Amino acid sequence: MDKPASTRQLKVARELQRYLAEIIRSKGMAVFGGAMVTVSEVRISPDLSIAKVYTSIFPSDKAEKVMQILEEEKKAIRGELGRQVASQLRIVPELDFYLDSTLDYAEHIDELLKK
């Protein structure tokens, strides 16, 4: 079982989430084929070297394509993040993007309850 995140990890993760959301928003929906991309959560490793970035994508049928674009843009996004957090962090964490499927799950539960 994972040990709980430290206060510092939580603070850094929150800041990264804010910055990444802004970076992705500034790229615009056109970059992501008209999909809306939201950074729903960021989890960072204890040594602050790896950030797991969970994204929600709407509409969900574009998720695969958007995840591919995020993967291709990873270096550019990390570079932009580095410019924004340079004064706060010694190293800019590696970014790993994951699809947050909680919206799909909630939608699925909604549909099941309607039957």
PDB file of N, CA and C in Angstrom:
ATOM      1  N   MET A   1       0.842  -1.193   0.000  1.00  0.00           N
ATOM      2  CA  MET A   1       0.000   0.000   0.000  1.00  0.00           C
ATOM      3  C   MET A   1       0.882   1.250   0.000  1.00  0.00           C
ATOM      4  N   ASP A   2       0.495   2.266  -0.774  1.00  0.00           N
ATOM      5  CA  ASP A   2       1.262   3.506  -0.840  1.00  0.00           C
ATOM      6  C   ASP A   2       1.136   4.257   0.472  1.00  0.00           C
ATOM      7  N   LYS A   3       2.257   4.884   0.857  1.00  0.00           N
ATOM      8  CA  LYS A   3       2.142   5.709   2.051  1.00  0.00           C
ATOM      9  C   LYS A   3       1.534   7.048   1.660  1.00  0.00           C
ATOM     10  N   PRO A   4       0.832   7.718   2.580  1.00  0.00           N
ATOM     11  CA  PRO A   4       0.148   8.959   2.230  1.00  0.00           C
ATOM     12  C   PRO A   4       1.144  10.046   1.808  1.00  0.00           C
ATOM     13  N   ALA A   5       0.683  10.922   0.949  1.00  0.00           N
ATOM     14  CA  ALA A   5       1.538  12.003   0.449  1.00  0.00           C
ATOM     15  C   ALA A   5       1.828  12.999   1.564  1.00  0.00           C
ATOM     16  N   SER A   6       3.032  13.536   1.537  1.00  0.00           N
ATOM     17  CA  SER A   6       3.409  14.534   2.530  1.00  0.00           C
ATOM     18  C   SER A   6       2.731  15.864   2.197  1.00  0.00           C
ATOM     19  N   THR A   7       2.749  16.783   3.152  1.00  0.00           N
ATOM     20  CA  THR A   7       2.166  18.101   2.936  1.00  0.00           C
ATOM     21  C   THR A   7       2.850  18.792   1.765  1.00  0.00           C
ATOM     22  N   ARG A   8       4.157  18.639   1.677  1.00  0.00           N
ATOM     23  CA  ARG A   8       4.911  19.270   0.590  1.00  0.00           C
ATOM     24  C   ARG A   8       4.481  18.690  -0.758  1.00  0.00           C
ATOM     25  N   GLN A   9       4.347  17.363  -0.834  1.00  0.00           N
ATOM     26  CA  GLN A   9       3.894  16.723  -2.072  1.00  0.00           C
ATOM     27  C   GLN A   9       2.523  17.265  -2.491  1.00  0.00           C
ATOM     28  N   LEU A  10       1.628  17.383  -1.524  1.00  0.00           N
ATOM     29  CA  LEU A  10       0.282  17.863  -1.821  1.00  0.00           C
ATOM     30  C   LEU A  10       0.300  19.303  -2.328  1.00  0.00           C
ATOM     31  N   LYS A  11       1.126  20.147  -1.694  1.00  0.00           N
ATOM     32  CA  LYS A  11       1.227  21.551  -2.116  1.00  0.00           C
ATOM     33  C   LYS A  11       1.808  21.660  -3.519  1.00  0.00           C
ATOM     34  N   VAL A  12       2.871  20.909  -3.776  1.00  0.00           N
ATOM     35  CA  VAL A  12       3.506  20.933  -5.095  1.00  0.00           C
ATOM     36  C   VAL A  12       2.537  20.401  -6.146  1.00  0.00           C
ATOM     37  N   ALA A  13       1.839  19.319  -5.832  1.00  0.00           N
ATOM     38  CA  ALA A  13       0.877  18.725  -6.767  1.00  0.00           C
ATOM     39  C   ALA A  13      -0.224  19.714  -7.111  1.00  0.00           C
ATOM     40  N   ARG A  14      -0.718  20.439  -6.094  1.00  0.00           N
ATOM     41  CA  ARG A  14      -1.771  21.436  -6.326  1.00  0.00           C
ATOM     42  C   ARG A  14      -1.281  22.548  -7.254  1.00  0.00           C
ATOM     43  N   GLU A  15      -0.061  23.023  -7.008  1.00  0.00           N
ATOM     44  CA  GLU A  15       0.516  24.070  -7.858  1.00  0.00           C
ATOM     45  C   GLU A  15       0.704  23.574  -9.287  1.00  0.00           C
ATOM     46  N   LEU A  16       1.231  22.361  -9.423  1.00  0.00           N
ATOM     47  CA  LEU A  16       1.434  21.794 -10.758  1.00  0.00           C
ATOM     48  C   LEU A  16       0.103  21.661 -11.491  1.00  0.00           C
ATOM     49  N   GLN A  17      -0.926  21.229 -10.769  1.00  0.00           N
ATOM     50  CA  GLN A  17      -2.250  21.085 -11.380  1.00  0.00           C
ATOM     51  C   GLN A  17      -2.724  22.434 -11.918  1.00  0.00           C
ATOM     52  N   ARG A  18      -2.535  23.484 -11.128  1.00  0.00           N
ATOM     53  CA  ARG A  18      -2.963  24.828 -11.536  1.00  0.00           C
ATOM     54  C   ARG A  18      -2.208  25.268 -12.792  1.00  0.00           C
ATOM     55  N   TYR A  19      -0.889  25.109 -12.776  1.00  0.00           N
ATOM     56  CA  TYR A  19      -0.070  25.520 -13.920  1.00  0.00           C
ATOM     57  C   TYR A  19      -0.389  24.687 -15.164  1.00  0.00           C
ATOM     58  N   LEU A  20      -0.490  23.372 -15.001  1.00  0.00           N
ATOM     59  CA  LEU A  20      -0.760  22.504 -16.154  1.00  0.00           C
ATOM     60  C   LEU A  20      -2.136  22.790 -16.761  1.00  0.00           C
ATOM     61  N   ALA A  21      -3.127  23.043 -15.911  1.00  0.00           N
ATOM     62  CA  ALA A  21      -4.464  23.370 -16.409  1.00  0.00           C
ATOM     63  C   ALA A  21      -4.398  24.626 -17.272  1.00  0.00           C
ATOM     64  N   GLU A  22      -3.644  25.606 -16.825  1.00  0.00           N
ATOM     65  CA  GLU A  22      -3.505  26.861 -17.562  1.00  0.00           C
ATOM     66  C   GLU A  22      -2.749  26.655 -18.875  1.00  0.00           C
ATOM     67  N   ILE A  23      -1.689  25.864 -18.844  1.00  0.00           N
ATOM     68  CA  ILE A  23      -0.903  25.582 -20.058  1.00  0.00           C
ATOM     69  C   ILE A  23      -1.780  24.883 -21.094  1.00  0.00           C
ATOM     70  N   ILE A  24      -2.518  23.872 -20.662  1.00  0.00           N
ATOM     71  CA  ILE A  24      -3.382  23.120 -21.583  1.00  0.00           C
ATOM     72  C   ILE A  24      -4.511  24.005 -22.100  1.00  0.00           C
ATOM     73  N   ARG A  25      -5.086  24.820 -21.212  1.00  0.00           N
ATOM     74  CA  ARG A  25      -6.157  25.734 -21.630  1.00  0.00           C
ATOM     75  C   ARG A  25      -5.645  26.728 -22.658  1.00  0.00           C
ATOM     76  N   SER A  26      -4.422  27.219 -22.460  1.00  0.00           N
ATOM     77  CA  SER A  26      -3.865  28.224 -23.372  1.00  0.00           C
ATOM     78  C   SER A  26      -3.593  27.660 -24.767  1.00  0.00           C
ATOM     79  N   LYS A  27      -3.399  26.357 -24.865  1.00  0.00           N
ATOM     80  CA  LYS A  27      -3.192  25.730 -26.179  1.00  0.00           C
ATOM     81  C   LYS A  27      -4.471  25.755 -26.998  1.00  0.00           C
ATOM     82  N   GLY A  28      -5.597  25.777 -26.319  1.00  0.00           N
ATOM     83  CA  GLY A  28      -6.884  25.871 -27.001  1.00  0.00           C
ATOM     84  C   GLY A  28      -7.439  24.517 -27.401  1.00  0.00           C
ATOM     85  N   MET A  29      -8.752  24.489 -27.573  1.00  0.00           N
ATOM     86  CA  MET A  29      -9.441  23.244 -27.918  1.00  0.00           C
ATOM     87  C   MET A  29      -9.072  22.755 -29.315  1.00  0.00           C
ATOM     88  N   ALA A  30      -8.699  23.664 -30.207  1.00  0.00           N
ATOM     89  CA  ALA A  30      -8.372  23.289 -31.584  1.00  0.00           C
ATOM     90  C   ALA A  30      -7.208  22.299 -31.627  1.00  0.00           C
ATOM     91  N   VAL A  31      -6.224  22.490 -30.736  1.00  0.00           N
ATOM     92  CA  VAL A  31      -5.065  21.584 -30.676  1.00  0.00           C
ATOM     93  C   VAL A  31      -5.522  20.159 -30.367  1.00  0.00           C
ATOM     94  N   PHE A  32      -6.564  20.040 -29.562  1.00  0.00           N
ATOM     95  CA  PHE A  32      -7.046  18.732 -29.123  1.00  0.00           C
ATOM     96  C   PHE A  32      -8.275  18.280 -29.916  1.00  0.00           C
ATOM     97  N   GLY A  33      -8.395  18.725 -31.144  1.00  0.00           N
ATOM     98  CA  GLY A  33      -9.481  18.287 -32.009  1.00  0.00           C
ATOM     99  C   GLY A  33     -10.859  18.671 -31.508  1.00  0.00           C
ATOM    100  N   GLY A  34     -10.948  19.815 -30.837  1.00  0.00           N
ATOM    101  CA  GLY A  34     -12.237  20.291 -30.345  1.00  0.00           C
ATOM    102  C   GLY A  34     -12.657  19.702 -29.011  1.00  0.00           C
ATOM    103  N   ALA A  35     -11.816  18.874 -28.428  1.00  0.00           N
ATOM    104  CA  ALA A  35     -12.154  18.279 -27.127  1.00  0.00           C
ATOM    105  C   ALA A  35     -11.782  19.234 -25.998  1.00  0.00           C
ATOM    106  N   MET A  36     -12.534  19.158 -24.914  1.00  0.00           N
ATOM    107  CA  MET A  36     -12.228  19.947 -23.729  1.00  0.00           C
ATOM    108  C   MET A  36     -11.390  19.070 -22.792  1.00  0.00           C
ATOM    109  N   VAL A  37     -10.217  19.577 -22.425  1.00  0.00           N
ATOM    110  CA  VAL A  37      -9.298  18.810 -21.589  1.00  0.00           C
ATOM    111  C   VAL A  37      -9.171  19.496 -20.239  1.00  0.00           C
ATOM    112  N   THR A  38      -9.385  18.747 -19.172  1.00  0.00           N
ATOM    113  CA  THR A  38      -9.308  19.264 -17.814  1.00  0.00           C
ATOM    114  C   THR A  38      -8.294  18.444 -17.022  1.00  0.00           C
ATOM    115  N   VAL A  39      -7.444  19.136 -16.267  1.00  0.00           N
ATOM    116  CA  VAL A  39      -6.515  18.428 -15.385  1.00  0.00           C
ATOM    117  C   VAL A  39      -7.260  18.201 -14.079  1.00  0.00           C
ATOM    118  N   SER A  40      -7.652  16.938 -13.841  1.00  0.00           N
ATOM    119  CA  SER A  40      -8.484  16.657 -12.670  1.00  0.00           C
ATOM    120  C   SER A  40      -7.669  16.389 -11.404  1.00  0.00           C
ATOM    121  N   GLU A  41      -6.443  15.908 -11.578  1.00  0.00           N
ATOM    122  CA  GLU A  41      -5.612  15.617 -10.403  1.00  0.00           C
ATOM    123  C   GLU A  41      -4.157  15.467 -10.820  1.00  0.00           C
ATOM    124  N   VAL A  42      -3.267  15.822  -9.914  1.00  0.00           N
ATOM    125  CA  VAL A  42      -1.836  15.574 -10.114  1.00  0.00           C
ATOM    126  C   VAL A  42      -1.320  14.891  -8.850  1.00  0.00           C
ATOM    127  N   ARG A  43      -0.614  13.802  -9.045  1.00  0.00           N
ATOM    128  CA  ARG A  43       0.038  13.112  -7.925  1.00  0.00           C
ATOM    129  C   ARG A  43       1.527  13.131  -8.200  1.00  0.00           C
ATOM    130  N   ILE A  44       2.300  13.486  -7.175  1.00  0.00           N
ATOM    131  CA  ILE A  44       3.743  13.609  -7.394  1.00  0.00           C
ATOM    132  C   ILE A  44       4.505  12.636  -6.509  1.00  0.00           C
ATOM    133  N   SER A  45       5.607  12.102  -7.039  1.00  0.00           N
ATOM    134  CA  SER A  45       6.410  11.131  -6.296  1.00  0.00           C
ATOM    135  C   SER A  45       7.078  11.827  -5.096  1.00  0.00           C
ATOM    136  N   PRO A  46       7.453  11.057  -4.071  1.00  0.00           N
ATOM    137  CA  PRO A  46       8.060  11.654  -2.871  1.00  0.00           C
ATOM    138  C   PRO A  46       9.303  12.504  -3.166  1.00  0.00           C
ATOM    139  N   ASP A  47      10.072  12.139  -4.200  1.00  0.00           N
ATOM    140  CA  ASP A  47      11.267  12.936  -4.523  1.00  0.00           C
ATOM    141  C   ASP A  47      10.955  14.071  -5.513  1.00  0.00           C
ATOM    142  N   LEU A  48       9.673  14.262  -5.824  1.00  0.00           N
ATOM    143  CA  LEU A  48       9.183  15.325  -6.710  1.00  0.00           C
ATOM    144  C   LEU A  48       9.717  15.228  -8.141  1.00  0.00           C
ATOM    145  N   SER A  49      10.119  14.030  -8.557  1.00  0.00           N
ATOM    146  CA  SER A  49      10.708  13.894  -9.891  1.00  0.00           C
ATOM    147  C   SER A  49       9.715  13.410 -10.949  1.00  0.00           C
ATOM    148  N   ILE A  50       8.602  12.822 -10.521  1.00  0.00           N
ATOM    149  CA  ILE A  50       7.609  12.312 -11.461  1.00  0.00           C
ATOM    150  C   ILE A  50       6.220  12.784 -11.041  1.00  0.00           C
ATOM    151  N   ALA A  51       5.514  13.371 -12.003  1.00  0.00           N
ATOM    152  CA  ALA A  51       4.143  13.812 -11.745  1.00  0.00           C
ATOM    153  C   ALA A  51       3.191  13.009 -12.611  1.00  0.00           C
ATOM    154  N   LYS A  52       2.227  12.366 -11.966  1.00  0.00           N
ATOM    155  CA  LYS A  52       1.165  11.672 -12.696  1.00  0.00           C
ATOM    156  C   LYS A  52       0.037  12.676 -12.872  1.00  0.00           C
ATOM    157  N   VAL A  53      -0.266  12.976 -14.129  1.00  0.00           N
ATOM    158  CA  VAL A  53      -1.269  13.987 -14.439  1.00  0.00           C
ATOM    159  C   VAL A  53      -2.518  13.280 -14.959  1.00  0.00           C
ATOM    160  N   TYR A  54      -3.610  13.406 -14.202  1.00  0.00           N
ATOM    161  CA  TYR A  54      -4.869  12.778 -14.584  1.00  0.00           C
ATOM    162  C   TYR A  54      -5.736  13.805 -15.297  1.00  0.00           C
ATOM    163  N   THR A  55      -6.195  13.462 -16.513  1.00  0.00           N
ATOM    164  CA  THR A  55      -6.975  14.396 -17.310  1.00  0.00           C
ATOM    165  C   THR A  55      -8.362  13.830 -17.606  1.00  0.00           C
ATOM    166  N   SER A  56      -9.348  14.714 -17.588  1.00  0.00           N
ATOM    167  CA  SER A  56     -10.703  14.375 -18.019  1.00  0.00           C
ATOM    168  C   SER A  56     -10.879  14.975 -19.404  1.00  0.00           C
ATOM    169  N   ILE A  57     -11.483  14.219 -20.291  1.00  0.00           N
ATOM    170  CA  ILE A  57     -11.639  14.665 -21.668  1.00  0.00           C
ATOM    171  C   ILE A  57     -13.109  14.558 -22.058  1.00  0.00           C
ATOM    172  N   PHE A  58     -13.622  15.662 -22.601  1.00  0.00           N
ATOM    173  CA  PHE A  58     -15.013  15.692 -23.051  1.00  0.00           C
ATOM    174  C   PHE A  58     -15.058  16.192 -24.483  1.00  0.00           C
ATOM    175  N   PRO A  59     -15.708  15.555 -25.407  1.00  0.00           N
ATOM    176  CA  PRO A  59     -16.422  14.292 -25.263  1.00  0.00           C
ATOM    177  C   PRO A  59     -15.461  13.108 -25.149  1.00  0.00           C
ATOM    178  N   SER A  60     -15.871  12.092 -24.439  1.00  0.00           N
ATOM    179  CA  SER A  60     -14.980  10.968 -24.126  1.00  0.00           C
ATOM    180  C   SER A  60     -14.593  10.141 -25.345  1.00  0.00           C
ATOM    181  N   ASP A  61     -15.345  10.253 -26.446  1.00  0.00           N
ATOM    182  CA  ASP A  61     -14.965   9.478 -27.634  1.00  0.00           C
ATOM    183  C   ASP A  61     -13.692  10.025 -28.301  1.00  0.00           C
ATOM    184  N   LYS A  62     -13.252  11.211 -27.875  1.00  0.00           N
ATOM    185  CA  LYS A  62     -12.009  11.783 -28.411  1.00  0.00           C
ATOM    186  C   LYS A  62     -10.821  11.526 -27.488  1.00  0.00           C
ATOM    187  N   ALA A  63     -11.048  10.797 -26.418  1.00  0.00           N
ATOM    188  CA  ALA A  63     -10.031  10.593 -25.386  1.00  0.00           C
ATOM    189  C   ALA A  63      -8.742   9.990 -25.926  1.00  0.00           C
ATOM    190  N   GLU A  64      -8.859   8.956 -26.742  1.00  0.00           N
ATOM    191  CA  GLU A  64      -7.664   8.271 -27.245  1.00  0.00           C
ATOM    192  C   GLU A  64      -6.789   9.226 -28.051  1.00  0.00           C
ATOM    193  N   LYS A  65      -7.408   9.998 -28.936  1.00  0.00           N
ATOM    194  CA  LYS A  65      -6.677  10.950 -29.780  1.00  0.00           C
ATOM    195  C   LYS A  65      -6.022  12.038 -28.922  1.00  0.00           C
ATOM    196  N   VAL A  66      -6.760  12.548 -27.941  1.00  0.00           N
ATOM    197  CA  VAL A  66      -6.243  13.604 -27.063  1.00  0.00           C
ATOM    198  C   VAL A  66      -5.056  13.092 -26.239  1.00  0.00           C
ATOM    199  N   MET A  67      -5.167  11.866 -25.739  1.00  0.00           N
ATOM    200  CA  MET A  67      -4.058  11.291 -24.958  1.00  0.00           C
ATOM    201  C   MET A  67      -2.806  11.166 -25.839  1.00  0.00           C
ATOM    202  N   GLN A  68      -3.010  10.815 -27.095  1.00  0.00           N
ATOM    203  CA  GLN A  68      -1.897  10.716 -28.047  1.00  0.00           C
ATOM    204  C   GLN A  68      -1.252  12.100 -28.248  1.00  0.00           C
ATOM    205  N   ILE A  69      -2.078  13.133 -28.399  1.00  0.00           N
ATOM    206  CA  ILE A  69      -1.573  14.500 -28.575  1.00  0.00           C
ATOM    207  C   ILE A  69      -0.808  14.937 -27.330  1.00  0.00           C
ATOM    208  N   LEU A  70      -1.360  14.662 -26.142  1.00  0.00           N
ATOM    209  CA  LEU A  70      -0.680  15.028 -24.889  1.00  0.00           C
ATOM    210  C   LEU A  70       0.685  14.354 -24.808  1.00  0.00           C
ATOM    211  N   GLU A  71       0.736  13.099 -25.213  1.00  0.00           N
ATOM    212  CA  GLU A  71       1.997  12.347 -25.193  1.00  0.00           C
ATOM    213  C   GLU A  71       3.014  13.000 -26.134  1.00  0.00           C
ATOM    214  N   GLU A  72       2.544  13.400 -27.322  1.00  0.00           N
ATOM    215  CA  GLU A  72       3.428  14.049 -28.296  1.00  0.00           C
ATOM    216  C   GLU A  72       3.882  15.425 -27.818  1.00  0.00           C
ATOM    217  N   GLU A  73       3.029  16.118 -27.091  1.00  0.00           N
ATOM    218  CA  GLU A  73       3.316  17.477 -26.620  1.00  0.00           C
ATOM    219  C   GLU A  73       3.996  17.496 -25.244  1.00  0.00           C
ATOM    220  N   LYS A  74       4.258  16.320 -24.694  1.00  0.00           N
ATOM    221  CA  LYS A  74       4.772  16.215 -23.322  1.00  0.00           C
ATOM    222  C   LYS A  74       6.009  17.096 -23.087  1.00  0.00           C
ATOM    223  N   LYS A  75       6.975  17.045 -24.014  1.00  0.00           N
ATOM    224  CA  LYS A  75       8.207  17.831 -23.851  1.00  0.00           C
ATOM    225  C   LYS A  75       7.924  19.326 -23.831  1.00  0.00           C
ATOM    226  N   ALA A  76       7.078  19.772 -24.750  1.00  0.00           N
ATOM    227  CA  ALA A  76       6.732  21.194 -24.832  1.00  0.00           C
ATOM    228  C   ALA A  76       5.992  21.646 -23.566  1.00  0.00           C
ATOM    229  N   ILE A  77       5.069  20.819 -23.103  1.00  0.00           N
ATOM    230  CA  ILE A  77       4.305  21.153 -21.891  1.00  0.00           C
ATOM    231  C   ILE A  77       5.245  21.218 -20.692  1.00  0.00           C
ATOM    232  N   ARG A  78       6.160  20.251 -20.597  1.00  0.00           N
ATOM    233  CA  ARG A  78       7.120  20.238 -19.483  1.00  0.00           C
ATOM    234  C   ARG A  78       8.032  21.462 -19.549  1.00  0.00           C
ATOM    235  N   GLY A  79       8.428  21.846 -20.761  1.00  0.00           N
ATOM    236  CA  GLY A  79       9.261  23.038 -20.938  1.00  0.00           C
ATOM    237  C   GLY A  79       8.559  24.288 -20.464  1.00  0.00           C
ATOM    238  N   GLU A  80       7.297  24.425 -20.848  1.00  0.00           N
ATOM    239  CA  GLU A  80       6.492  25.573 -20.432  1.00  0.00           C
ATOM    240  C   GLU A  80       6.302  25.561 -18.910  1.00  0.00           C
ATOM    241  N   LEU A  81       6.041  24.381 -18.358  1.00  0.00           N
ATOM    242  CA  LEU A  81       5.895  24.239 -16.912  1.00  0.00           C
ATOM    243  C   LEU A  81       7.189  24.660 -16.216  1.00  0.00           C
ATOM    244  N   GLY A  82       8.331  24.244 -16.784  1.00  0.00           N
ATOM    245  CA  GLY A  82       9.637  24.597 -16.223  1.00  0.00           C
ATOM    246  C   GLY A  82       9.846  26.096 -16.142  1.00  0.00           C
ATOM    247  N   ARG A  83       9.412  26.814 -17.172  1.00  0.00           N
ATOM    248  CA  ARG A  83       9.551  28.277 -17.161  1.00  0.00           C
ATOM    249  C   ARG A  83       8.698  28.894 -16.057  1.00  0.00           C
ATOM    250  N   GLN A  84       7.561  28.280 -15.777  1.00  0.00           N
ATOM    251  CA  GLN A  84       6.648  28.853 -14.780  1.00  0.00           C
ATOM    252  C   GLN A  84       7.023  28.502 -13.341  1.00  0.00           C
ATOM    253  N   VAL A  85       7.644  27.346 -13.126  1.00  0.00           N
ATOM    254  CA  VAL A  85       7.958  26.938 -11.748  1.00  0.00           C
ATOM    255  C   VAL A  85       9.450  27.011 -11.427  1.00  0.00           C
ATOM    256  N   ALA A  86      10.221  27.597 -12.330  1.00  0.00           N
ATOM    257  CA  ALA A  86      11.685  27.641 -12.168  1.00  0.00           C
ATOM    258  C   ALA A  86      12.107  28.220 -10.817  1.00  0.00           C
ATOM    259  N   SER A  87      11.393  29.228 -10.344  1.00  0.00           N
ATOM    260  CA  SER A  87      11.786  29.863  -9.083  1.00  0.00           C
ATOM    261  C   SER A  87      11.327  29.058  -7.863  1.00  0.00           C
ATOM    262  N   GLN A  88      10.411  28.095  -8.077  1.00  0.00           N
ATOM    263  CA  GLN A  88       9.860  27.357  -6.949  1.00  0.00           C
ATOM    264  C   GLN A  88      10.409  25.943  -6.805  1.00  0.00           C
ATOM    265  N   LEU A  89      10.753  25.320  -7.931  1.00  0.00           N
ATOM    266  CA  LEU A  89      11.222  23.935  -7.882  1.00  0.00           C
ATOM    267  C   LEU A  89      12.623  23.817  -8.467  1.00  0.00           C
ATOM    268  N   ARG A  90      13.431  22.997  -7.832  1.00  0.00           N
ATOM    269  CA  ARG A  90      14.792  22.771  -8.318  1.00  0.00           C
ATOM    270  C   ARG A  90      14.781  21.962  -9.605  1.00  0.00           C
ATOM    271  N   ILE A  91      13.940  20.920  -9.637  1.00  0.00           N
ATOM    272  CA  ILE A  91      13.817  20.126 -10.863  1.00  0.00           C
ATOM    273  C   ILE A  91      12.364  20.141 -11.316  1.00  0.00           C
ATOM    274  N   VAL A  92      12.178  20.122 -12.617  1.00  0.00           N
ATOM    275  CA  VAL A  92      10.826  20.047 -13.169  1.00  0.00           C
ATOM    276  C   VAL A  92      10.512  18.569 -13.324  1.00  0.00           C
ATOM    277  N   PRO A  93       9.420  18.110 -12.729  1.00  0.00           N
ATOM    278  CA  PRO A  93       9.119  16.668 -12.778  1.00  0.00           C
ATOM    279  C   PRO A  93       8.810  16.173 -14.180  1.00  0.00           C
ATOM    280  N   GLU A  94       9.126  14.905 -14.412  1.00  0.00           N
ATOM    281  CA  GLU A  94       8.698  14.232 -15.642  1.00  0.00           C
ATOM    282  C   GLU A  94       7.180  14.123 -15.566  1.00  0.00           C
ATOM    283  N   LEU A  95       6.522  14.285 -16.706  1.00  0.00           N
ATOM    284  CA  LEU A  95       5.064  14.218 -16.721  1.00  0.00           C
ATOM    285  C   LEU A  95       4.601  12.905 -17.334  1.00  0.00           C
ATOM    286  N   ASP A  96       3.699  12.237 -16.643  1.00  0.00           N
ATOM    287  CA  ASP A  96       3.042  11.037 -17.162  1.00  0.00           C
ATOM    288  C   ASP A  96       1.551  11.337 -17.197  1.00  0.00           C
ATOM    289  N   PHE A  97       0.954  11.270 -18.377  1.00  0.00           N
ATOM    290  CA  PHE A  97      -0.466  11.580 -18.514  1.00  0.00           C
ATOM    291  C   PHE A  97      -1.314  10.320 -18.426  1.00  0.00           C
ATOM    292  N   TYR A  98      -2.401  10.414 -17.677  1.00  0.00           N
ATOM    293  CA  TYR A  98      -3.345   9.309 -17.513  1.00  0.00           C
ATOM    294  C   TYR A  98      -4.750   9.839 -17.748  1.00  0.00           C
ATOM    295  N   LEU A  99      -5.597   8.973 -18.252  1.00  0.00           N
ATOM    296  CA  LEU A  99      -6.984   9.345 -18.477  1.00  0.00           C
ATOM    297  C   LEU A  99      -7.771   9.118 -17.186  1.00  0.00           C
ATOM    298  N   ASP A 100      -8.437  10.151 -16.732  1.00  0.00           N
ATOM    299  CA  ASP A 100      -9.287  10.047 -15.544  1.00  0.00           C
ATOM    300  C   ASP A 100     -10.682   9.685 -16.023  1.00  0.00           C
ATOM    301  N   SER A 101     -11.095   8.472 -15.761  1.00  0.00           N
ATOM    302  CA  SER A 101     -12.374   7.994 -16.296  1.00  0.00           C
ATOM    303  C   SER A 101     -13.520   8.112 -15.295  1.00  0.00           C
ATOM    304  N   THR A 102     -13.371   8.893 -14.253  1.00  0.00           N
ATOM    305  CA  THR A 102     -14.433   8.999 -13.254  1.00  0.00           C
ATOM    306  C   THR A 102     -15.706   9.599 -13.842  1.00  0.00           C
ATOM    307  N   LEU A 103     -15.576  10.535 -14.802  1.00  0.00           N
ATOM    308  CA  LEU A 103     -16.775  11.106 -15.436  1.00  0.00           C
ATOM    309  C   LEU A 103     -17.530  10.038 -16.211  1.00  0.00           C
ATOM    310  N   ASP A 104     -16.800   9.230 -16.978  1.00  0.00           N
ATOM    311  CA  ASP A 104     -17.425   8.145 -17.732  1.00  0.00           C
ATOM    312  C   ASP A 104     -18.113   7.165 -16.790  1.00  0.00           C
ATOM    313  N   TYR A 105     -17.438   6.867 -15.685  1.00  0.00           N
ATOM    314  CA  TYR A 105     -17.979   5.936 -14.702  1.00  0.00           C
ATOM    315  C   TYR A 105     -19.282   6.491 -14.111  1.00  0.00           C
ATOM    316  N   ALA A 106     -19.275   7.768 -13.752  1.00  0.00           N
ATOM    317  CA  ALA A 106     -20.470   8.400 -13.181  1.00  0.00           C
ATOM    318  C   ALA A 106     -21.610   8.399 -14.199  1.00  0.00           C
ATOM    319  N   GLU A 107     -21.281   8.680 -15.462  1.00  0.00           N
ATOM    320  CA  GLU A 107     -22.274   8.673 -16.533  1.00  0.00           C
ATOM    321  C   GLU A 107     -22.879   7.272 -16.686  1.00  0.00           C
ATOM    322  N   HIS A 108     -22.004   6.271 -16.635  1.00  0.00           N
ATOM    323  CA  HIS A 108     -22.444   4.878 -16.763  1.00  0.00           C
ATOM    324  C   HIS A 108     -23.385   4.500 -15.614  1.00  0.00           C
ATOM    325  N   ILE A 109     -23.036   4.878 -14.410  1.00  0.00           N
ATOM    326  CA  ILE A 109     -23.879   4.607 -13.233  1.00  0.00           C
ATOM    327  C   ILE A 109     -25.228   5.305 -13.402  1.00  0.00           C
ATOM    328  N   ASP A 110     -25.201   6.559 -13.870  1.00  0.00           N
ATOM    329  CA  ASP A 110     -26.434   7.303 -14.129  1.00  0.00           C
ATOM    330  C   ASP A 110     -27.353   6.544 -15.080  1.00  0.00           C
ATOM    331  N   GLU A 111     -26.755   6.058 -16.179  1.00  0.00           N
ATOM    332  CA  GLU A 111     -27.541   5.319 -17.169  1.00  0.00           C
ATOM    333  C   GLU A 111     -28.129   4.043 -16.565  1.00  0.00           C
ATOM    334  N   LEU A 112     -27.352   3.336 -15.761  1.00  0.00           N
ATOM    335  CA  LEU A 112     -27.835   2.106 -15.128  1.00  0.00           C
ATOM    336  C   LEU A 112     -28.995   2.398 -14.172  1.00  0.00           C
ATOM    337  N   LEU A 113     -28.907   3.503 -13.461  1.00  0.00           N
ATOM    338  CA  LEU A 113     -29.961   3.850 -12.501  1.00  0.00           C
ATOM    339  C   LEU A 113     -31.257   4.255 -13.190  1.00  0.00           C
ATOM    340  N   LYS A 114     -31.153   4.761 -14.408  1.00  0.00           N
ATOM    341  CA  LYS A 114     -32.345   5.183 -15.147  1.00  0.00           C
ATOM    342  C   LYS A 114     -33.153   4.002 -15.668  1.00  0.00           C
ATOM    343  N   LYS A 115     -32.516   2.833 -15.778  1.00  0.00           N
ATOM    344  CA  LYS A 115     -33.201   1.646 -16.337  1.00  0.00           C
ATOM    345  C   LYS A 115     -34.182   1.053 -15.360  1.00  0.00           C
TER     346      LYS A 115
END
